[in-house]
Amino acid sequence: MYEEYIAAQSTPAGKVLEHILRRANVSQKELALRSGIYPQRIHDLIKGIRKFTIPYSLNIEKALNIGIEGYFYKIQANYEIYQFITNEELKQHPDLSQFSNALF
């Protein structure tokens, strides 16, 4: 069930966590209680304000009974690699849609 998200490169780990919580019908507050992580930190992870650390990832996985160690950390790493490659490609090929039509 959870393996499908690891391969997704363009999806942030916070969005995956939000989706899993919604499917499991678990609130952020309940996850905070189960994992021992402050509710505001859970919120920040979901919104992408904070990055997943290994301890956060392991605690959340344990609270949600996800049997893949480093699950959210791996998803975050894949997403960061995807973002880096995308940004590098944009540097080589500028977005011409930002130029005014009057220039052409």
PDB file of N, CA and C in Angstrom:
ATOM      1  N   MET A   1       0.818  -1.195   0.000  1.00  0.00           N
ATOM      2  CA  MET A   1       0.000   0.000   0.000  1.00  0.00           C
ATOM      3  C   MET A   1       0.860   1.257   0.000  1.00  0.00           C
ATOM      4  N   TYR A   2       1.907   1.283   0.794  1.00  0.00           N
ATOM      5  CA  TYR A   2       2.704   2.494   0.939  1.00  0.00           C
ATOM      6  C   TYR A   2       3.823   2.602  -0.097  1.00  0.00           C
ATOM      7  N   GLU A   3       4.165   1.514  -0.757  1.00  0.00           N
ATOM      8  CA  GLU A   3       5.274   1.511  -1.707  1.00  0.00           C
ATOM      9  C   GLU A   3       5.034   2.460  -2.879  1.00  0.00           C
ATOM     10  N   GLU A   4       3.780   2.661  -3.232  1.00  0.00           N
ATOM     11  CA  GLU A   4       3.454   3.512  -4.374  1.00  0.00           C
ATOM     12  C   GLU A   4       3.940   4.951  -4.193  1.00  0.00           C
ATOM     13  N   TYR A   5       4.013   5.418  -2.974  1.00  0.00           N
ATOM     14  CA  TYR A   5       4.412   6.814  -2.728  1.00  0.00           C
ATOM     15  C   TYR A   5       5.922   7.008  -2.781  1.00  0.00           C
ATOM     16  N   ILE A   6       6.691   5.973  -2.479  1.00  0.00           N
ATOM     17  CA  ILE A   6       8.148   6.121  -2.478  1.00  0.00           C
ATOM     18  C   ILE A   6       8.659   6.434  -3.876  1.00  0.00           C
ATOM     19  N   ALA A   7       8.054   5.856  -4.885  1.00  0.00           N
ATOM     20  CA  ALA A   7       8.493   6.070  -6.262  1.00  0.00           C
ATOM     21  C   ALA A   7       8.093   7.449  -6.799  1.00  0.00           C
ATOM     22  N   ALA A   8       7.129   8.099  -6.173  1.00  0.00           N
ATOM     23  CA  ALA A   8       6.665   9.407  -6.650  1.00  0.00           C
ATOM     24  C   ALA A   8       7.700  10.469  -6.324  1.00  0.00           C
ATOM     25  N   GLN A   9       8.296  11.036  -7.358  1.00  0.00           N
ATOM     26  CA  GLN A   9       9.348  12.021  -7.144  1.00  0.00           C
ATOM     27  C   GLN A   9       8.811  13.439  -6.987  1.00  0.00           C
ATOM     28  N   SER A  10       7.706  13.727  -7.605  1.00  0.00           N
ATOM     29  CA  SER A  10       7.228  15.105  -7.610  1.00  0.00           C
ATOM     30  C   SER A  10       6.219  15.401  -6.504  1.00  0.00           C
ATOM     31  N   THR A  11       6.104  14.498  -5.535  1.00  0.00           N
ATOM     32  CA  THR A  11       5.157  14.699  -4.438  1.00  0.00           C
ATOM     33  C   THR A  11       5.920  14.906  -3.134  1.00  0.00           C
ATOM     34  N   PRO A  12       5.694  16.018  -2.437  1.00  0.00           N
ATOM     35  CA  PRO A  12       6.372  16.248  -1.162  1.00  0.00           C
ATOM     36  C   PRO A  12       5.915  15.259  -0.095  1.00  0.00           C
ATOM     37  N   ALA A  13       6.798  14.957   0.833  1.00  0.00           N
ATOM     38  CA  ALA A  13       6.509  13.988   1.895  1.00  0.00           C
ATOM     39  C   ALA A  13       5.340  14.451   2.767  1.00  0.00           C
ATOM     40  N   GLY A  14       5.216  15.740   2.981  1.00  0.00           N
ATOM     41  CA  GLY A  14       4.115  16.265   3.784  1.00  0.00           C
ATOM     42  C   GLY A  14       2.761  15.975   3.153  1.00  0.00           C
ATOM     43  N   LYS A  15       2.680  16.073   1.835  1.00  0.00           N
ATOM     44  CA  LYS A  15       1.425  15.774   1.138  1.00  0.00           C
ATOM     45  C   LYS A  15       1.099  14.287   1.242  1.00  0.00           C
ATOM     46  N   VAL A  16       2.130  13.450   1.191  1.00  0.00           N
ATOM     47  CA  VAL A  16       1.915  12.005   1.346  1.00  0.00           C
ATOM     48  C   VAL A  16       1.390  11.720   2.744  1.00  0.00           C
ATOM     49  N   LEU A  17       1.988  12.349   3.750  1.00  0.00           N
ATOM     50  CA  LEU A  17       1.526  12.160   5.129  1.00  0.00           C
ATOM     51  C   LEU A  17       0.077  12.626   5.265  1.00  0.00           C
ATOM     52  N   GLU A  18      -0.244  13.761   4.702  1.00  0.00           N
ATOM     53  CA  GLU A  18      -1.614  14.275   4.768  1.00  0.00           C
ATOM     54  C   GLU A  18      -2.591  13.285   4.127  1.00  0.00           C
ATOM     55  N   HIS A  19      -2.216  12.731   3.001  1.00  0.00           N
ATOM     56  CA  HIS A  19      -3.072  11.767   2.310  1.00  0.00           C
ATOM     57  C   HIS A  19      -3.250  10.495   3.140  1.00  0.00           C
ATOM     58  N   ILE A  20      -2.179  10.003   3.728  1.00  0.00           N
ATOM     59  CA  ILE A  20      -2.256   8.800   4.558  1.00  0.00           C
ATOM     60  C   ILE A  20      -3.137   9.048   5.773  1.00  0.00           C
ATOM     61  N   LEU A  21      -3.000  10.209   6.405  1.00  0.00           N
ATOM     62  CA  LEU A  21      -3.835  10.532   7.562  1.00  0.00           C
ATOM     63  C   LEU A  21      -5.313  10.598   7.177  1.00  0.00           C
ATOM     64  N   ARG A  22      -5.595  11.188   6.032  1.00  0.00           N
ATOM     65  CA  ARG A  22      -6.977  11.300   5.577  1.00  0.00           C
ATOM     66  C   ARG A  22      -7.565   9.913   5.314  1.00  0.00           C
ATOM     67  N   ARG A  23      -6.786   9.042   4.651  1.00  0.00           N
ATOM     68  CA  ARG A  23      -7.277   7.685   4.353  1.00  0.00           C
ATOM     69  C   ARG A  23      -7.460   6.853   5.612  1.00  0.00           C
ATOM     70  N   ALA A  24      -6.585   7.080   6.617  1.00  0.00           N
ATOM     71  CA  ALA A  24      -6.673   6.314   7.860  1.00  0.00           C
ATOM     72  C   ALA A  24      -7.648   6.955   8.848  1.00  0.00           C
ATOM     73  N   ASN A  25      -8.187   8.124   8.494  1.00  0.00           N
ATOM     74  CA  ASN A  25      -9.098   8.864   9.363  1.00  0.00           C
ATOM     75  C   ASN A  25      -8.438   9.176  10.716  1.00  0.00           C
ATOM     76  N   VAL A  26      -7.205   9.664  10.641  1.00  0.00           N
ATOM     77  CA  VAL A  26      -6.430  10.026  11.833  1.00  0.00           C
ATOM     78  C   VAL A  26      -6.172  11.529  11.768  1.00  0.00           C
ATOM     79  N   SER A  27      -6.431  12.225  12.858  1.00  0.00           N
ATOM     80  CA  SER A  27      -6.199  13.669  12.892  1.00  0.00           C
ATOM     81  C   SER A  27      -4.725  13.954  13.178  1.00  0.00           C
ATOM     82  N   GLN A  28      -4.324  15.180  12.890  1.00  0.00           N
ATOM     83  CA  GLN A  28      -2.954  15.586  13.200  1.00  0.00           C
ATOM     84  C   GLN A  28      -2.704  15.520  14.702  1.00  0.00           C
ATOM     85  N   LYS A  29      -3.710  15.895  15.475  1.00  0.00           N
ATOM     86  CA  LYS A  29      -3.576  15.868  16.935  1.00  0.00           C
ATOM     87  C   LYS A  29      -3.396  14.438  17.433  1.00  0.00           C
ATOM     88  N   GLU A  30      -4.173  13.513  16.889  1.00  0.00           N
ATOM     89  CA  GLU A  30      -4.052  12.113  17.281  1.00  0.00           C
ATOM     90  C   GLU A  30      -2.677  11.560  16.893  1.00  0.00           C
ATOM     91  N   LEU A  31      -2.195  11.915  15.711  1.00  0.00           N
ATOM     92  CA  LEU A  31      -0.862  11.484  15.293  1.00  0.00           C
ATOM     93  C   LEU A  31       0.203  12.045  16.224  1.00  0.00           C
ATOM     94  N   ALA A  32       0.026  13.282  16.636  1.00  0.00           N
ATOM     95  CA  ALA A  32       0.977  13.899  17.569  1.00  0.00           C
ATOM     96  C   ALA A  32       1.017  13.123  18.884  1.00  0.00           C
ATOM     97  N   LEU A  33      -0.136  12.736  19.376  1.00  0.00           N
ATOM     98  CA  LEU A  33      -0.185  11.963  20.622  1.00  0.00           C
ATOM     99  C   LEU A  33       0.476  10.594  20.461  1.00  0.00           C
ATOM    100  N   ARG A  34       0.200   9.936  19.348  1.00  0.00           N
ATOM    101  CA  ARG A  34       0.766   8.605  19.102  1.00  0.00           C
ATOM    102  C   ARG A  34       2.280   8.633  18.896  1.00  0.00           C
ATOM    103  N   SER A  35       2.758   9.680  18.234  1.00  0.00           N
ATOM    104  CA  SER A  35       4.168   9.734  17.852  1.00  0.00           C
ATOM    105  C   SER A  35       5.059  10.463  18.851  1.00  0.00           C
ATOM    106  N   GLY A  36       4.449  11.259  19.728  1.00  0.00           N
ATOM    107  CA  GLY A  36       5.246  12.029  20.673  1.00  0.00           C
ATOM    108  C   GLY A  36       5.865  13.275  20.056  1.00  0.00           C
ATOM    109  N   ILE A  37       5.326  13.711  18.938  1.00  0.00           N
ATOM    110  CA  ILE A  37       5.808  14.918  18.257  1.00  0.00           C
ATOM    111  C   ILE A  37       4.768  16.017  18.488  1.00  0.00           C
ATOM    112  N   TYR A  38       5.239  17.234  18.738  1.00  0.00           N
ATOM    113  CA  TYR A  38       4.321  18.345  18.973  1.00  0.00           C
ATOM    114  C   TYR A  38       3.347  18.518  17.798  1.00  0.00           C
ATOM    115  N   PRO A  39       2.081  18.831  18.088  1.00  0.00           N
ATOM    116  CA  PRO A  39       1.090  19.010  17.010  1.00  0.00           C
ATOM    117  C   PRO A  39       1.503  20.069  15.985  1.00  0.00           C
ATOM    118  N   GLN A  40       2.120  21.155  16.446  1.00  0.00           N
ATOM    119  CA  GLN A  40       2.558  22.200  15.510  1.00  0.00           C
ATOM    120  C   GLN A  40       3.631  21.677  14.555  1.00  0.00           C
ATOM    121  N   ARG A  41       4.493  20.787  15.042  1.00  0.00           N
ATOM    122  CA  ARG A  41       5.527  20.199  14.176  1.00  0.00           C
ATOM    123  C   ARG A  41       4.885  19.307  13.117  1.00  0.00           C
ATOM    124  N   ILE A  42       3.864  18.543  13.509  1.00  0.00           N
ATOM    125  CA  ILE A  42       3.151  17.708  12.541  1.00  0.00           C
ATOM    126  C   ILE A  42       2.556  18.596  11.454  1.00  0.00           C
ATOM    127  N   HIS A  43       1.925  19.681  11.870  1.00  0.00           N
ATOM    128  CA  HIS A  43       1.344  20.639  10.929  1.00  0.00           C
ATOM    129  C   HIS A  43       2.426  21.200   9.998  1.00  0.00           C
ATOM    130  N   ASP A  44       3.555  21.590  10.575  1.00  0.00           N
ATOM    131  CA  ASP A  44       4.651  22.159   9.779  1.00  0.00           C
ATOM    132  C   ASP A  44       5.223  21.144   8.790  1.00  0.00           C
ATOM    133  N   LEU A  45       5.295  19.884   9.177  1.00  0.00           N
ATOM    134  CA  LEU A  45       5.773  18.837   8.266  1.00  0.00           C
ATOM    135  C   LEU A  45       4.814  18.673   7.095  1.00  0.00           C
ATOM    136  N   ILE A  46       3.534  18.677   7.386  1.00  0.00           N
ATOM    137  CA  ILE A  46       2.529  18.511   6.337  1.00  0.00           C
ATOM    138  C   ILE A  46       2.545  19.698   5.376  1.00  0.00           C
ATOM    139  N   LYS A  47       2.693  20.897   5.897  1.00  0.00           N
ATOM    140  CA  LYS A  47       2.691  22.103   5.059  1.00  0.00           C
ATOM    141  C   LYS A  47       4.030  22.366   4.375  1.00  0.00           C
ATOM    142  N   GLY A  48       5.050  21.577   4.714  1.00  0.00           N
ATOM    143  CA  GLY A  48       6.359  21.759   4.087  1.00  0.00           C
ATOM    144  C   GLY A  48       7.195  22.847   4.719  1.00  0.00           C
ATOM    145  N   ILE A  49       6.790  23.349   5.873  1.00  0.00           N
ATOM    146  CA  ILE A  49       7.541  24.387   6.577  1.00  0.00           C
ATOM    147  C   ILE A  49       8.798  23.781   7.202  1.00  0.00           C
ATOM    148  N   ARG A  50       8.677  22.563   7.693  1.00  0.00           N
ATOM    149  CA  ARG A  50       9.805  21.814   8.253  1.00  0.00           C
ATOM    150  C   ARG A  50      10.068  20.595   7.385  1.00  0.00           C
ATOM    151  N   LYS A  51      11.319  20.159   7.413  1.00  0.00           N
ATOM    152  CA  LYS A  51      11.690  18.946   6.703  1.00  0.00           C
ATOM    153  C   LYS A  51      11.652  17.769   7.661  1.00  0.00           C
ATOM    154  N   PHE A  52      11.384  16.613   7.111  1.00  0.00           N
ATOM    155  CA  PHE A  52      11.403  15.393   7.910  1.00  0.00           C
ATOM    156  C   PHE A  52      12.841  15.073   8.297  1.00  0.00           C
ATOM    157  N   THR A  53      13.031  14.807   9.573  1.00  0.00           N
ATOM    158  CA  THR A  53      14.308  14.288  10.031  1.00  0.00           C
ATOM    159  C   THR A  53      14.134  12.785  10.197  1.00  0.00           C
ATOM    160  N   ILE A  54      15.217  12.098  10.391  1.00  0.00           N
ATOM    161  CA  ILE A  54      15.121  10.649  10.586  1.00  0.00           C
ATOM    162  C   ILE A  54      14.275  10.324  11.821  1.00  0.00           C
ATOM    163  N   PRO A  55      14.502  10.978  12.973  1.00  0.00           N
ATOM    164  CA  PRO A  55      13.648  10.661  14.134  1.00  0.00           C
ATOM    165  C   PRO A  55      12.160  10.953  13.895  1.00  0.00           C
ATOM    166  N   TYR A  56      11.836  12.080  13.249  1.00  0.00           N
ATOM    167  CA  TYR A  56      10.431  12.373  12.951  1.00  0.00           C
ATOM    168  C   TYR A  56       9.847  11.263  12.075  1.00  0.00           C
ATOM    169  N   SER A  57      10.578  10.901  11.047  1.00  0.00           N
ATOM    170  CA  SER A  57      10.107   9.879  10.131  1.00  0.00           C
ATOM    171  C   SER A  57       9.871   8.558  10.852  1.00  0.00           C
ATOM    172  N   LEU A  58      10.813   8.126  11.650  1.00  0.00           N
ATOM    173  CA  LEU A  58      10.679   6.849  12.357  1.00  0.00           C
ATOM    174  C   LEU A  58       9.529   6.875  13.355  1.00  0.00           C
ATOM    175  N   ASN A  59       9.365   7.975  14.079  1.00  0.00           N
ATOM    176  CA  ASN A  59       8.276   8.071  15.057  1.00  0.00           C
ATOM    177  C   ASN A  59       6.900   8.050  14.385  1.00  0.00           C
ATOM    178  N   ILE A  60       6.780   8.748  13.281  1.00  0.00           N
ATOM    179  CA  ILE A  60       5.501   8.782  12.572  1.00  0.00           C
ATOM    180  C   ILE A  60       5.200   7.421  11.952  1.00  0.00           C
ATOM    181  N   GLU A  61       6.215   6.793  11.382  1.00  0.00           N
ATOM    182  CA  GLU A  61       6.017   5.451  10.805  1.00  0.00           C
ATOM    183  C   GLU A  61       5.545   4.469  11.867  1.00  0.00           C
ATOM    184  N   LYS A  62       6.154   4.529  13.025  1.00  0.00           N
ATOM    185  CA  LYS A  62       5.769   3.628  14.111  1.00  0.00           C
ATOM    186  C   LYS A  62       4.324   3.909  14.550  1.00  0.00           C
ATOM    187  N   ALA A  63       3.961   5.179  14.645  1.00  0.00           N
ATOM    188  CA  ALA A  63       2.612   5.555  15.074  1.00  0.00           C
ATOM    189  C   ALA A  63       1.549   5.120  14.064  1.00  0.00           C
ATOM    190  N   LEU A  64       1.916   5.079  12.789  1.00  0.00           N
ATOM    191  CA  LEU A  64       0.966   4.719  11.736  1.00  0.00           C
ATOM    192  C   LEU A  64       1.111   3.267  11.276  1.00  0.00           C
ATOM    193  N   ASN A  65       1.988   2.529  11.930  1.00  0.00           N
ATOM    194  CA  ASN A  65       2.245   1.121  11.577  1.00  0.00           C
ATOM    195  C   ASN A  65       2.705   0.958  10.132  1.00  0.00           C
ATOM    196  N   ILE A  66       3.592   1.829   9.705  1.00  0.00           N
ATOM    197  CA  ILE A  66       4.191   1.716   8.379  1.00  0.00           C
ATOM    198  C   ILE A  66       5.478   0.928   8.551  1.00  0.00           C
ATOM    199  N   GLY A  67       5.607  -0.176   7.868  1.00  0.00           N
ATOM    200  CA  GLY A  67       6.732  -1.079   8.072  1.00  0.00           C
ATOM    201  C   GLY A  67       7.964  -0.769   7.255  1.00  0.00           C
ATOM    202  N   ILE A  68       8.051   0.400   6.672  1.00  0.00           N
ATOM    203  CA  ILE A  68       9.205   0.768   5.849  1.00  0.00           C
ATOM    204  C   ILE A  68      10.012   1.811   6.616  1.00  0.00           C
ATOM    205  N   GLU A  69      11.213   1.434   7.028  1.00  0.00           N
ATOM    206  CA  GLU A  69      12.045   2.358   7.816  1.00  0.00           C
ATOM    207  C   GLU A  69      12.512   3.525   6.954  1.00  0.00           C
ATOM    208  N   GLY A  70      12.397   4.721   7.511  1.00  0.00           N
ATOM    209  CA  GLY A  70      12.821   5.922   6.812  1.00  0.00           C
ATOM    210  C   GLY A  70      11.886   6.311   5.683  1.00  0.00           C
ATOM    211  N   TYR A  71      10.654   5.886   5.761  1.00  0.00           N
ATOM    212  CA  TYR A  71       9.678   6.070   4.687  1.00  0.00           C
ATOM    213  C   TYR A  71       9.533   7.536   4.261  1.00  0.00           C
ATOM    214  N   PHE A  72       9.173   8.393   5.193  1.00  0.00           N
ATOM    215  CA  PHE A  72       8.951   9.798   4.855  1.00  0.00           C
ATOM    216  C   PHE A  72      10.257  10.512   4.523  1.00  0.00           C
ATOM    217  N   TYR A  73      11.325  10.093   5.161  1.00  0.00           N
ATOM    218  CA  TYR A  73      12.639  10.670   4.889  1.00  0.00           C
ATOM    219  C   TYR A  73      13.058  10.353   3.448  1.00  0.00           C
ATOM    220  N   LYS A  74      12.798   9.136   2.994  1.00  0.00           N
ATOM    221  CA  LYS A  74      13.133   8.737   1.625  1.00  0.00           C
ATOM    222  C   LYS A  74      12.287   9.495   0.614  1.00  0.00           C
ATOM    223  N   ILE A  75      11.006   9.662   0.919  1.00  0.00           N
ATOM    224  CA  ILE A  75      10.124  10.410   0.013  1.00  0.00           C
ATOM    225  C   ILE A  75      10.615  11.851  -0.095  1.00  0.00           C
ATOM    226  N   GLN A  76      10.992  12.439   1.041  1.00  0.00           N
ATOM    227  CA  GLN A  76      11.496  13.804   1.041  1.00  0.00           C
ATOM    228  C   GLN A  76      12.777  13.913   0.219  1.00  0.00           C
ATOM    229  N   ALA A  77      13.681  12.951   0.373  1.00  0.00           N
ATOM    230  CA  ALA A  77      14.933  12.967  -0.389  1.00  0.00           C
ATOM    231  C   ALA A  77      14.653  12.886  -1.888  1.00  0.00           C
ATOM    232  N   ASN A  78      13.734  12.011  -2.302  1.00  0.00           N
ATOM    233  CA  ASN A  78      13.371  11.906  -3.718  1.00  0.00           C
ATOM    234  C   ASN A  78      12.811  13.219  -4.238  1.00  0.00           C
ATOM    235  N   TYR A  79      11.976  13.866  -3.420  1.00  0.00           N
ATOM    236  CA  TYR A  79      11.375  15.137  -3.829  1.00  0.00           C
ATOM    237  C   TYR A  79      12.435  16.234  -3.949  1.00  0.00           C
ATOM    238  N   GLU A  80      13.377  16.275  -3.020  1.00  0.00           N
ATOM    239  CA  GLU A  80      14.430  17.287  -3.068  1.00  0.00           C
ATOM    240  C   GLU A  80      15.333  17.087  -4.284  1.00  0.00           C
ATOM    241  N   ILE A  81      15.616  15.843  -4.635  1.00  0.00           N
ATOM    242  CA  ILE A  81      16.405  15.556  -5.834  1.00  0.00           C
ATOM    243  C   ILE A  81      15.636  16.020  -7.068  1.00  0.00           C
ATOM    244  N   TYR A  82      14.351  15.715  -7.122  1.00  0.00           N
ATOM    245  CA  TYR A  82      13.503  16.138  -8.239  1.00  0.00           C
ATOM    246  C   TYR A  82      13.507  17.662  -8.376  1.00  0.00           C
ATOM    247  N   GLN A  83      13.356  18.366  -7.254  1.00  0.00           N
ATOM    248  CA  GLN A  83      13.360  19.833  -7.284  1.00  0.00           C
ATOM    249  C   GLN A  83      14.693  20.376  -7.784  1.00  0.00           C
ATOM    250  N   PHE A  84      15.794  19.807  -7.319  1.00  0.00           N
ATOM    251  CA  PHE A  84      17.122  20.264  -7.730  1.00  0.00           C
ATOM    252  C   PHE A  84      17.301  20.094  -9.233  1.00  0.00           C
ATOM    253  N   ILE A  85      16.961  18.914  -9.746  1.00  0.00           N
ATOM    254  CA  ILE A  85      17.111  18.655 -11.180  1.00  0.00           C
ATOM    255  C   ILE A  85      16.225  19.593 -11.992  1.00  0.00           C
ATOM    256  N   THR A  86      15.007  19.808 -11.539  1.00  0.00           N
ATOM    257  CA  THR A  86      14.085  20.710 -12.232  1.00  0.00           C
ATOM    258  C   THR A  86      14.633  22.132 -12.263  1.00  0.00           C
ATOM    259  N   ASN A  87      15.170  22.595 -11.138  1.00  0.00           N
ATOM    260  CA  ASN A  87      15.737  23.943 -11.080  1.00  0.00           C
ATOM    261  C   ASN A  87      16.961  24.072 -11.972  1.00  0.00           C
ATOM    262  N   GLU A  88      17.779  23.032 -12.029  1.00  0.00           N
ATOM    263  CA  GLU A  88      18.961  23.061 -12.898  1.00  0.00           C
ATOM    264  C   GLU A  88      18.544  23.124 -14.372  1.00  0.00           C
ATOM    265  N   GLU A  89      17.517  22.394 -14.733  1.00  0.00           N
ATOM    266  CA  GLU A  89      17.026  22.426 -16.110  1.00  0.00           C
ATOM    267  C   GLU A  89      16.465  23.797 -16.461  1.00  0.00           C
ATOM    268  N   LEU A  90      15.797  24.436 -15.509  1.00  0.00           N
ATOM    269  CA  LEU A  90      15.263  25.776 -15.764  1.00  0.00           C
ATOM    270  C   LEU A  90      16.378  26.794 -15.957  1.00  0.00           C
ATOM    271  N   LYS A  91      17.492  26.595 -15.278  1.00  0.00           N
ATOM    272  CA  LYS A  91      18.625  27.501 -15.459  1.00  0.00           C
ATOM    273  C   LYS A  91      19.199  27.391 -16.866  1.00  0.00           C
ATOM    274  N   GLN A  92      19.177  26.178 -17.421  1.00  0.00           N
ATOM    275  CA  GLN A  92      19.727  25.962 -18.762  1.00  0.00           C
ATOM    276  C   GLN A  92      18.751  26.393 -19.846  1.00  0.00           C
ATOM    277  N   HIS A  93      17.459  26.295 -19.563  1.00  0.00           N
ATOM    278  CA  HIS A  93      16.426  26.651 -20.522  1.00  0.00           C
ATOM    279  C   HIS A  93      15.448  27.614 -19.853  1.00  0.00           C
ATOM    280  N   PRO A  94      15.680  28.902 -20.006  1.00  0.00           N
ATOM    281  CA  PRO A  94      14.812  29.874 -19.325  1.00  0.00           C
ATOM    282  C   PRO A  94      13.370  29.785 -19.808  1.00  0.00           C
ATOM    283  N   ASP A  95      12.480  30.165 -18.934  1.00  0.00           N
ATOM    284  CA  ASP A  95      11.050  30.159 -19.228  1.00  0.00           C
ATOM    285  C   ASP A  95      10.714  31.407 -20.040  1.00  0.00           C
ATOM    286  N   LEU A  96      10.501  31.230 -21.323  1.00  0.00           N
ATOM    287  CA  LEU A  96      10.251  32.365 -22.219  1.00  0.00           C
ATOM    288  C   LEU A  96       8.860  32.952 -22.043  1.00  0.00           C
ATOM    289  N   SER A  97       7.986  32.249 -21.356  1.00  0.00           N
ATOM    290  CA  SER A  97       6.630  32.768 -21.168  1.00  0.00           C
ATOM    291  C   SER A  97       6.618  33.988 -20.254  1.00  0.00           C
ATOM    292  N   GLN A  98       7.707  34.235 -19.574  1.00  0.00           N
ATOM    293  CA  GLN A  98       7.775  35.379 -18.662  1.00  0.00           C
ATOM    294  C   GLN A  98       8.086  36.693 -19.401  1.00  0.00           C
ATOM    295  N   PHE A  99       8.536  36.566 -20.641  1.00  0.00           N
ATOM    296  CA  PHE A  99       8.812  37.772 -21.422  1.00  0.00           C
ATOM    297  C   PHE A  99       7.519  38.371 -21.944  1.00  0.00           C
ATOM    298  N   SER A 100       7.522  39.650 -22.072  1.00  0.00           N
ATOM    299  CA  SER A 100       6.361  40.347 -22.587  1.00  0.00           C
ATOM    300  C   SER A 100       6.195  40.066 -24.073  1.00  0.00           C
ATOM    301  N   ASN A 101       4.964  39.960 -24.513  1.00  0.00           N
ATOM    302  CA  ASN A 101       4.692  39.779 -25.930  1.00  0.00           C
ATOM    303  C   ASN A 101       5.162  40.963 -26.752  1.00  0.00           C
ATOM    304  N   ALA A 102       5.290  42.111 -26.137  1.00  0.00           N
ATOM    305  CA  ALA A 102       5.732  43.309 -26.851  1.00  0.00           C
ATOM    306  C   ALA A 102       7.172  43.186 -27.316  1.00  0.00           C
ATOM    307  N   LEU A 103       7.950  42.358 -26.682  1.00  0.00           N
ATOM    308  CA  LEU A 103       9.354  42.188 -27.096  1.00  0.00           C
ATOM    309  C   LEU A 103       9.472  41.435 -28.398  1.00  0.00           C
ATOM    310  N   PHE A 104       8.477  40.690 -28.747  1.00  0.00           N
ATOM    311  CA  PHE A 104       8.578  39.853 -29.948  1.00  0.00           C
ATOM    312  C   PHE A 104       7.654  40.336 -30.986  1.00  0.00           C
TER     313      PHE A 104
END
